[in-house]
């Protein structure tokens, strides 16, 4: 059986891990460590301090914050 295809922000995760060489759990830990902060502040942090592209940073932040709200 194949796993269901990821949708939404999680659909970016395989390419993020491949491009930046870190597991998603590491990126999420960085976001959680920077809380409390606004969504776009967290995106800017990932872009400026870690070199992520906007879409990848946004996907990680959105997914992490959605988990925190859940």
PDB file of N, CA and C in Angstrom:
ATOM      1  N   UNK A   1       0.834  -1.188   0.000  1.00  0.00           N
ATOM      2  CA  UNK A   1       0.000   0.000   0.000  1.00  0.00           C
ATOM      3  C   UNK A   1       0.872   1.242   0.000  1.00  0.00           C
ATOM      4  N   UNK A   2       0.411   2.260  -0.678  1.00  0.00           N
ATOM      5  CA  UNK A   2       1.146   3.511  -0.671  1.00  0.00           C
ATOM      6  C   UNK A   2       0.535   4.439   0.365  1.00  0.00           C
ATOM      7  N   UNK A   3       1.374   5.328   0.873  1.00  0.00           N
ATOM      8  CA  UNK A   3       0.873   6.294   1.849  1.00  0.00           C
ATOM      9  C   UNK A   3       0.054   7.354   1.124  1.00  0.00           C
ATOM     10  N   UNK A   4      -0.928   7.949   1.804  1.00  0.00           N
ATOM     11  CA  UNK A   4      -1.690   9.006   1.158  1.00  0.00           C
ATOM     12  C   UNK A   4      -0.772  10.187   0.831  1.00  0.00           C
ATOM     13  N   UNK A   5      -1.051  10.815  -0.293  1.00  0.00           N
ATOM     14  CA  UNK A   5      -0.248  11.951  -0.724  1.00  0.00           C
ATOM     15  C   UNK A   5      -0.491  13.137   0.209  1.00  0.00           C
ATOM     16  N   UNK A   6       0.618  13.751   0.646  1.00  0.00           N
ATOM     17  CA  UNK A   6       0.507  14.910   1.537  1.00  0.00           C
ATOM     18  C   UNK A   6      -0.099  16.080   0.780  1.00  0.00           C
ATOM     19  N   UNK A   7      -0.888  16.851   1.493  1.00  0.00           N
ATOM     20  CA  UNK A   7      -1.498  18.040   0.898  1.00  0.00           C
ATOM     21  C   UNK A   7      -1.167  19.241   1.768  1.00  0.00           C
ATOM     22  N   UNK A   8      -1.466  20.419   1.274  1.00  0.00           N
ATOM     23  CA  UNK A   8      -1.221  21.642   2.037  1.00  0.00           C
ATOM     24  C   UNK A   8       0.265  21.840   2.294  1.00  0.00           C
ATOM     25  N   UNK A   9       0.594  22.491   3.409  1.00  0.00           N
ATOM     26  CA  UNK A   9       2.000  22.770   3.704  1.00  0.00           C
ATOM     27  C   UNK A   9       2.880  21.529   3.734  1.00  0.00           C
ATOM     28  N   UNK A  10       2.340  20.406   4.194  1.00  0.00           N
ATOM     29  CA  UNK A  10       3.135  19.180   4.299  1.00  0.00           C
ATOM     30  C   UNK A  10       3.597  18.670   2.934  1.00  0.00           C
ATOM     31  N   UNK A  11       2.940  19.086   1.858  1.00  0.00           N
ATOM     32  CA  UNK A  11       3.357  18.639   0.532  1.00  0.00           C
ATOM     33  C   UNK A  11       4.744  19.161   0.166  1.00  0.00           C
ATOM     34  N   UNK A  12       5.207  20.200   0.838  1.00  0.00           N
ATOM     35  CA  UNK A  12       6.541  20.760   0.603  1.00  0.00           C
ATOM     36  C   UNK A  12       7.635  20.008   1.362  1.00  0.00           C
ATOM     37  N   UNK A  13       7.273  19.221   2.357  1.00  0.00           N
ATOM     38  CA  UNK A  13       8.269  18.660   3.273  1.00  0.00           C
ATOM     39  C   UNK A  13       9.353  17.811   2.604  1.00  0.00           C
ATOM     40  N   UNK A  14       9.014  16.921   1.673  1.00  0.00           N
ATOM     41  CA  UNK A  14      10.096  16.146   1.052  1.00  0.00           C
ATOM     42  C   UNK A  14      11.132  17.023   0.342  1.00  0.00           C
ATOM     43  N   UNK A  15      10.681  18.048  -0.367  1.00  0.00           N
ATOM     44  CA  UNK A  15      11.633  18.912  -1.072  1.00  0.00           C
ATOM     45  C   UNK A  15      12.420  19.787  -0.103  1.00  0.00           C
ATOM     46  N   UNK A  16      11.818  20.167   1.023  1.00  0.00           N
ATOM     47  CA  UNK A  16      12.534  20.954   2.036  1.00  0.00           C
ATOM     48  C   UNK A  16      13.657  20.110   2.628  1.00  0.00           C
ATOM     49  N   UNK A  17      13.346  18.881   2.994  1.00  0.00           N
ATOM     50  CA  UNK A  17      14.364  18.004   3.573  1.00  0.00           C
ATOM     51  C   UNK A  17      15.493  17.743   2.579  1.00  0.00           C
ATOM     52  N   UNK A  18      15.143  17.540   1.326  1.00  0.00           N
ATOM     53  CA  UNK A  18      16.159  17.273   0.299  1.00  0.00           C
ATOM     54  C   UNK A  18      17.031  18.512   0.059  1.00  0.00           C
ATOM     55  N   UNK A  19      16.415  19.675  -0.053  1.00  0.00           N
ATOM     56  CA  UNK A  19      17.156  20.890  -0.389  1.00  0.00           C
ATOM     57  C   UNK A  19      18.045  21.375   0.751  1.00  0.00           C
ATOM     58  N   UNK A  20      17.540  21.321   1.981  1.00  0.00           N
ATOM     59  CA  UNK A  20      18.263  21.920   3.109  1.00  0.00           C
ATOM     60  C   UNK A  20      18.963  20.904   4.004  1.00  0.00           C
ATOM     61  N   UNK A  21      18.708  19.612   3.791  1.00  0.00           N
ATOM     62  CA  UNK A  21      19.445  18.567   4.483  1.00  0.00           C
ATOM     63  C   UNK A  21      19.124  18.365   5.950  1.00  0.00           C
ATOM     64  N   UNK A  22      17.998  18.893   6.407  1.00  0.00           N
ATOM     65  CA  UNK A  22      17.566  18.693   7.797  1.00  0.00           C
ATOM     66  C   UNK A  22      16.161  18.115   7.797  1.00  0.00           C
ATOM     67  N   UNK A  23      15.859  17.271   8.778  1.00  0.00           N
ATOM     68  CA  UNK A  23      14.481  16.771   8.871  1.00  0.00           C
ATOM     69  C   UNK A  23      13.515  17.885   9.281  1.00  0.00           C
ATOM     70  N   UNK A  24      12.276  17.725   8.893  1.00  0.00           N
ATOM     71  CA  UNK A  24      11.251  18.724   9.209  1.00  0.00           C
ATOM     72  C   UNK A  24      11.149  18.938  10.718  1.00  0.00           C
ATOM     73  N   UNK A  25      11.346  17.902  11.498  1.00  0.00           N
ATOM     74  CA  UNK A  25      11.271  18.045  12.959  1.00  0.00           C
ATOM     75  C   UNK A  25      12.262  19.088  13.469  1.00  0.00           C
ATOM     76  N   UNK A  26      13.434  19.181  12.847  1.00  0.00           N
ATOM     77  CA  UNK A  26      14.421  20.188  13.253  1.00  0.00           C
ATOM     78  C   UNK A  26      13.921  21.595  12.959  1.00  0.00           C
ATOM     79  N   UNK A  27      13.335  21.767  11.773  1.00  0.00           N
ATOM     80  CA  UNK A  27      12.821  23.104  11.411  1.00  0.00           C
ATOM     81  C   UNK A  27      11.659  23.495  12.323  1.00  0.00           C
ATOM     82  N   UNK A  28      10.789  22.536  12.625  1.00  0.00           N
ATOM     83  CA  UNK A  28       9.661  22.824  13.518  1.00  0.00           C
ATOM     84  C   UNK A  28      10.151  23.183  14.917  1.00  0.00           C
ATOM     85  N   UNK A  29      11.200  22.528  15.375  1.00  0.00           N
ATOM     86  CA  UNK A  29      11.765  22.837  16.693  1.00  0.00           C
ATOM     87  C   UNK A  29      12.287  24.268  16.728  1.00  0.00           C
ATOM     88  N   UNK A  30      12.900  24.724  15.637  1.00  0.00           N
ATOM     89  CA  UNK A  30      13.369  26.108  15.567  1.00  0.00           C
ATOM     90  C   UNK A  30      12.205  27.092  15.661  1.00  0.00           C
ATOM     91  N   UNK A  31      11.129  26.771  14.965  1.00  0.00           N
ATOM     92  CA  UNK A  31       9.938  27.639  15.002  1.00  0.00           C
ATOM     93  C   UNK A  31       9.358  27.662  16.413  1.00  0.00           C
ATOM     94  N   UNK A  32       9.192  26.491  17.024  1.00  0.00           N
ATOM     95  CA  UNK A  32       8.619  26.441  18.379  1.00  0.00           C
ATOM     96  C   UNK A  32       9.503  27.185  19.381  1.00  0.00           C
ATOM     97  N   UNK A  33      10.820  27.117  19.207  1.00  0.00           N
ATOM     98  CA  UNK A  33      11.749  27.794  20.120  1.00  0.00           C
ATOM     99  C   UNK A  33      11.635  29.315  20.007  1.00  0.00           C
ATOM    100  N   UNK A  34      11.171  29.801  18.852  1.00  0.00           N
ATOM    101  CA  UNK A  34      11.049  31.248  18.638  1.00  0.00           C
ATOM    102  C   UNK A  34       9.690  31.799  19.074  1.00  0.00           C
ATOM    103  N   UNK A  35       8.790  30.926  19.495  1.00  0.00           N
ATOM    104  CA  UNK A  35       7.462  31.380  19.952  1.00  0.00           C
ATOM    105  C   UNK A  35       7.565  32.051  21.313  1.00  0.00           C
ATOM    106  N   UNK A  36       6.734  33.013  21.634  1.00  0.00           N
ATOM    107  CA  UNK A  36       5.650  33.528  20.794  1.00  0.00           C
ATOM    108  C   UNK A  36       6.184  34.551  19.789  1.00  0.00           C
ATOM    109  N   UNK A  37       5.710  34.453  18.596  1.00  0.00           N
ATOM    110  CA  UNK A  37       6.035  35.392  17.522  1.00  0.00           C
ATOM    111  C   UNK A  37       4.936  35.299  16.476  1.00  0.00           C
ATOM    112  N   UNK A  38       4.832  36.327  15.668  1.00  0.00           N
ATOM    113  CA  UNK A  38       3.840  36.326  14.600  1.00  0.00           C
ATOM    114  C   UNK A  38       4.307  35.434  13.452  1.00  0.00           C
ATOM    115  N   UNK A  39       3.336  34.965  12.693  1.00  0.00           N
ATOM    116  CA  UNK A  39       3.603  34.070  11.566  1.00  0.00           C
ATOM    117  C   UNK A  39       4.719  34.616  10.672  1.00  0.00           C
ATOM    118  N   UNK A  40       4.576  35.840  10.211  1.00  0.00           N
ATOM    119  CA  UNK A  40       5.551  36.382   9.266  1.00  0.00           C
ATOM    120  C   UNK A  40       6.901  36.669   9.921  1.00  0.00           C
ATOM    121  N   UNK A  41       6.924  36.890  11.221  1.00  0.00           N
ATOM    122  CA  UNK A  41       8.208  37.031  11.925  1.00  0.00           C
ATOM    123  C   UNK A  41       8.956  35.702  11.912  1.00  0.00           C
ATOM    124  N   UNK A  42       8.216  34.619  12.077  1.00  0.00           N
ATOM    125  CA  UNK A  42       8.821  33.287  12.048  1.00  0.00           C
ATOM    126  C   UNK A  42       9.316  32.942  10.643  1.00  0.00           C
ATOM    127  N   UNK A  43       8.532  33.303   9.637  1.00  0.00           N
ATOM    128  CA  UNK A  43       8.947  33.091   8.247  1.00  0.00           C
ATOM    129  C   UNK A  43      10.240  33.862   7.977  1.00  0.00           C
ATOM    130  N   UNK A  44      10.278  35.120   8.398  1.00  0.00           N
ATOM    131  CA  UNK A  44      11.469  35.957   8.186  1.00  0.00           C
ATOM    132  C   UNK A  44      12.685  35.358   8.888  1.00  0.00           C
ATOM    133  N   UNK A  45      12.501  34.828  10.082  1.00  0.00           N
ATOM    134  CA  UNK A  45      13.602  34.217  10.822  1.00  0.00           C
ATOM    135  C   UNK A  45      14.182  33.041  10.048  1.00  0.00           C
ATOM    136  N   UNK A  46      13.324  32.165   9.528  1.00  0.00           N
ATOM    137  CA  UNK A  46      13.811  31.014   8.768  1.00  0.00           C
ATOM    138  C   UNK A  46      14.526  31.457   7.494  1.00  0.00           C
ATOM    139  N   UNK A  47      14.014  32.487   6.851  1.00  0.00           N
ATOM    140  CA  UNK A  47      14.627  32.981   5.622  1.00  0.00           C
ATOM    141  C   UNK A  47      15.972  33.653   5.908  1.00  0.00           C
ATOM    142  N   UNK A  48      15.996  34.548   6.876  1.00  0.00           N
ATOM    143  CA  UNK A  48      17.188  35.357   7.134  1.00  0.00           C
ATOM    144  C   UNK A  48      18.289  34.582   7.843  1.00  0.00           C
ATOM    145  N   UNK A  49      17.924  33.764   8.818  1.00  0.00           N
ATOM    146  CA  UNK A  49      18.932  33.079   9.621  1.00  0.00           C
ATOM    147  C   UNK A  49      19.324  31.711   9.064  1.00  0.00           C
ATOM    148  N   UNK A  50      18.451  31.125   8.230  1.00  0.00           N
ATOM    149  CA  UNK A  50      18.707  29.759   7.778  1.00  0.00           C
ATOM    150  C   UNK A  50      18.660  29.592   6.263  1.00  0.00           C
ATOM    151  N   UNK A  51      18.374  30.664   5.530  1.00  0.00           N
ATOM    152  CA  UNK A  51      18.438  30.634   4.077  1.00  0.00           C
ATOM    153  C   UNK A  51      17.313  29.914   3.363  1.00  0.00           C
ATOM    154  N   UNK A  52      16.190  29.690   4.044  1.00  0.00           N
ATOM    155  CA  UNK A  52      15.067  29.037   3.381  1.00  0.00           C
ATOM    156  C   UNK A  52      14.379  30.015   2.435  1.00  0.00           C
ATOM    157  N   UNK A  53      13.786  29.466   1.385  1.00  0.00           N
ATOM    158  CA  UNK A  53      12.965  30.275   0.504  1.00  0.00           C
ATOM    159  C   UNK A  53      11.641  30.607   1.193  1.00  0.00           C
ATOM    160  N   UNK A  54      10.945  31.595   0.669  1.00  0.00           N
ATOM    161  CA  UNK A  54       9.707  32.051   1.299  1.00  0.00           C
ATOM    162  C   UNK A  54       8.660  30.936   1.385  1.00  0.00           C
ATOM    163  N   UNK A  55       8.436  30.226   0.290  1.00  0.00           N
ATOM    164  CA  UNK A  55       7.411  29.182   0.287  1.00  0.00           C
ATOM    165  C   UNK A  55       7.716  28.064   1.267  1.00  0.00           C
ATOM    166  N   UNK A  56       8.975  27.660   1.322  1.00  0.00           N
ATOM    167  CA  UNK A  56       9.364  26.595   2.254  1.00  0.00           C
ATOM    168  C   UNK A  56       9.230  27.064   3.700  1.00  0.00           C
ATOM    169  N   UNK A  57       9.702  28.265   3.984  1.00  0.00           N
ATOM    170  CA  UNK A  57       9.595  28.800   5.346  1.00  0.00           C
ATOM    171  C   UNK A  57       8.131  28.928   5.753  1.00  0.00           C
ATOM    172  N   UNK A  58       7.312  29.426   4.860  1.00  0.00           N
ATOM    173  CA  UNK A  58       5.894  29.606   5.144  1.00  0.00           C
ATOM    174  C   UNK A  58       5.212  28.268   5.412  1.00  0.00           C
ATOM    175  N   UNK A  59       5.561  27.246   4.646  1.00  0.00           N
ATOM    176  CA  UNK A  59       4.956  25.923   4.840  1.00  0.00           C
ATOM    177  C   UNK A  59       5.302  25.362   6.217  1.00  0.00           C
ATOM    178  N   UNK A  60       6.552  25.496   6.619  1.00  0.00           N
ATOM    179  CA  UNK A  60       6.969  24.987   7.935  1.00  0.00           C
ATOM    180  C   UNK A  60       6.250  25.731   9.042  1.00  0.00           C
ATOM    181  N   UNK A  61       6.216  27.050   8.953  1.00  0.00           N
ATOM    182  CA  UNK A  61       5.558  27.855   9.993  1.00  0.00           C
ATOM    183  C   UNK A  61       4.070  27.536  10.057  1.00  0.00           C
ATOM    184  N   UNK A  62       3.408  27.507   8.907  1.00  0.00           N
ATOM    185  CA  UNK A  62       1.959  27.251   8.886  1.00  0.00           C
ATOM    186  C   UNK A  62       1.646  25.897   9.515  1.00  0.00           C
ATOM    187  N   UNK A  63       2.402  24.876   9.156  1.00  0.00           N
ATOM    188  CA  UNK A  63       2.146  23.528   9.674  1.00  0.00           C
ATOM    189  C   UNK A  63       2.412  23.470  11.173  1.00  0.00           C
ATOM    190  N   UNK A  64       3.503  24.101  11.629  1.00  0.00           N
ATOM    191  CA  UNK A  64       3.855  24.088  13.040  1.00  0.00           C
ATOM    192  C   UNK A  64       2.812  24.815  13.878  1.00  0.00           C
ATOM    193  N   UNK A  65       2.376  25.975  13.411  1.00  0.00           N
ATOM    194  CA  UNK A  65       1.369  26.738  14.155  1.00  0.00           C
ATOM    195  C   UNK A  65       0.021  26.018  14.161  1.00  0.00           C
ATOM    196  N   UNK A  66      -0.322  25.349  13.080  1.00  0.00           N
ATOM    197  CA  UNK A  66      -1.584  24.595  13.035  1.00  0.00           C
ATOM    198  C   UNK A  66      -1.565  23.463  14.048  1.00  0.00           C
ATOM    199  N   UNK A  67      -0.419  22.808  14.208  1.00  0.00           N
ATOM    200  CA  UNK A  67      -0.295  21.750  15.213  1.00  0.00           C
ATOM    201  C   UNK A  67      -0.451  22.317  16.621  1.00  0.00           C
ATOM    202  N   UNK A  68       0.123  23.495  16.856  1.00  0.00           N
ATOM    203  CA  UNK A  68       0.054  24.122  18.181  1.00  0.00           C
ATOM    204  C   UNK A  68      -1.384  24.511  18.524  1.00  0.00           C
ATOM    205  N   UNK A  69      -2.157  24.899  17.504  1.00  0.00           N
ATOM    206  CA  UNK A  69      -3.547  25.295  17.736  1.00  0.00           C
ATOM    207  C   UNK A  69      -4.464  24.100  17.889  1.00  0.00           C
ATOM    208  N   UNK A  70      -4.003  22.952  17.405  1.00  0.00           N
ATOM    209  CA  UNK A  70      -4.833  21.744  17.393  1.00  0.00           C
ATOM    210  C   UNK A  70      -4.952  21.171  18.733  1.00  0.00           C
TER     211      UNK A  70
END
